[in-house]
Amino acid sequence: MGIQDIIEGKKQWRAHVARVKALPPDYQIVYKEMQKYLFKVGPIGLADGGLLPGIIDFFEEGVAAGKGVLELIGNDVAAFCDDLIKDSHTYADAYQESTSGKSSTDEE
């Protein structure tokens, strides 16, 4: 990873954060909780993928439609996040594989 990649990554992250700050306060609170949860248990490629920007897109559409954030995701933020990543390889999966001696390519 070169210096240009780092600079470009920072620009993208700043643009991402600016989109979050443009959301109404209740959306921002829920987004930050989702982000915290996903960074803790989420998919291994979270930083490289489109999940977080996709959530912001979804929230921006909800704001444009005049809906409250809980109307979009429900009352259980963790359950909503779990549903988003249900088919993704997570850090928890990787940990379980490392402790059991299995890899994701092993046959059961």
Protein backbone atom coordinates (compact mmCIF):
# COMPACT_ATOMS: atom_id res chain seq x y z
CA MET A 1 0.00 0.00 0.00
CA GLY A 2 1.53 3.23 -1.17
CA ILE A 3 1.15 6.72 0.17
CA GLN A 4 -1.33 7.58 -2.58
CA ASP A 5 -3.55 4.67 -1.48
CA ILE A 6 -3.47 5.93 2.10
CA ILE A 7 -4.32 9.48 1.02
CA GLU A 8 -7.17 8.25 -1.20
CA GLY A 9 -8.48 6.06 1.63
CA LYS A 10 -8.52 9.03 3.98
CA LYS A 11 -10.37 11.16 1.43
CA GLN A 12 -12.98 8.45 1.01
CA TRP A 13 -13.38 8.05 4.78
CA ARG A 14 -13.78 11.82 5.26
CA ALA A 15 -16.45 11.90 2.56
CA HIS A 16 -18.15 8.96 4.30
CA VAL A 17 -18.11 10.75 7.66
CA ALA A 18 -19.48 13.92 6.02
CA ARG A 19 -22.43 11.91 4.68
CA VAL A 20 -23.11 10.56 8.17
CA LYS A 21 -23.00 14.07 9.65
CA ALA A 22 -25.51 15.24 7.05
CA LEU A 23 -28.10 12.76 8.38
CA PRO A 24 -30.65 13.81 11.02
CA PRO A 25 -29.48 13.29 14.64
CA ASP A 26 -31.52 10.12 15.27
CA TYR A 27 -30.11 8.51 12.11
CA GLN A 28 -26.59 9.49 13.17
CA ILE A 29 -27.00 7.86 16.57
CA VAL A 30 -28.29 4.62 15.09
CA TYR A 31 -25.62 4.61 12.37
CA LYS A 32 -22.84 5.04 14.93
CA GLU A 33 -24.25 2.17 17.01
CA MET A 34 -24.45 -0.01 13.90
CA GLN A 35 -20.91 0.94 12.93
CA LYS A 36 -19.62 0.12 16.40
CA TYR A 37 -21.40 -3.24 16.37
CA LEU A 38 -20.21 -4.12 12.87
CA PHE A 39 -16.59 -3.19 13.63
CA LYS A 40 -16.77 -5.46 16.66
CA VAL A 41 -18.37 -8.57 15.13
CA GLY A 42 -18.84 -7.76 11.48
CA PRO A 43 -17.54 -9.19 8.27
CA ILE A 44 -13.81 -9.45 7.71
CA GLY A 45 -13.91 -7.24 4.59
CA LEU A 46 -15.99 -4.50 6.23
CA ALA A 47 -13.48 -1.72 5.62
CA ASP A 48 -13.03 -2.69 1.96
CA GLY A 49 -16.65 -3.43 1.15
CA GLY A 50 -19.73 -1.41 0.44
CA LEU A 51 -21.73 -2.29 3.55
CA LEU A 52 -21.27 0.98 5.45
CA PRO A 53 -21.84 3.21 2.40
CA GLY A 54 -24.85 1.04 1.56
CA ILE A 55 -26.30 1.69 5.01
CA ILE A 56 -25.88 5.42 4.47
CA ASP A 57 -27.59 5.14 1.07
CA PHE A 58 -30.47 3.29 2.75
CA PHE A 59 -30.69 5.93 5.49
CA GLU A 60 -30.60 8.81 2.99
CA GLU A 61 -33.50 7.21 1.13
CA GLY A 62 -35.39 6.90 4.43
CA VAL A 63 -34.80 10.56 5.22
CA ALA A 64 -35.98 11.56 1.74
CA ALA A 65 -39.14 9.48 2.26
CA GLY A 66 -39.77 11.20 5.60
CA LYS A 67 -39.42 8.03 7.66
CA GLY A 68 -37.92 7.71 11.10
CA VAL A 69 -34.85 5.52 11.45
CA LEU A 70 -36.65 2.93 13.60
CA GLU A 71 -39.35 2.63 10.93
CA LEU A 72 -36.60 1.46 8.58
CA ILE A 73 -34.66 -0.93 10.77
CA GLY A 74 -36.95 -1.80 13.67
CA ASN A 75 -36.22 -1.52 17.39
CA ASP A 76 -33.36 -4.04 17.54
CA VAL A 77 -30.27 -2.55 15.93
CA ALA A 78 -28.14 -5.64 16.57
CA ALA A 79 -30.69 -7.95 14.96
CA PHE A 80 -30.81 -5.69 11.91
CA CYS A 81 -27.01 -5.77 11.67
CA ASP A 82 -26.94 -9.53 12.13
CA ASP A 83 -29.38 -9.89 9.26
CA LEU A 84 -27.16 -7.70 7.05
CA ILE A 85 -24.10 -9.88 7.66
CA LYS A 86 -25.75 -13.30 7.98
CA ASP A 87 -24.03 -14.70 4.86
CA SER A 88 -20.68 -12.98 5.44
CA HIS A 89 -17.52 -14.48 6.92
CA THR A 90 -17.07 -12.70 10.27
CA TYR A 91 -14.25 -12.29 12.75
CA ALA A 92 -16.16 -14.63 15.07
CA ASP A 93 -16.15 -17.29 12.33
CA ALA A 94 -12.42 -16.85 11.80
CA TYR A 95 -11.79 -17.13 15.53
CA GLN A 96 -13.86 -20.29 15.84
CA GLU A 97 -12.03 -21.81 12.89
CA SER A 98 -8.65 -20.96 14.39
CA THR A 99 -9.51 -22.54 17.72
CA SER A 100 -11.02 -25.67 16.18
CA GLY A 101 -8.20 -26.14 13.68
CA LYS A 102 -10.55 -25.91 10.67
CA SER A 103 -10.36 -23.49 7.81
CA SER A 104 -13.25 -22.21 5.74
CA THR A 105 -12.14 -24.50 2.91
CA ASP A 106 -12.18 -27.71 4.98
CA GLU A 107 -14.88 -30.23 4.19
CA GLU A 108 -17.10 -31.33 7.03
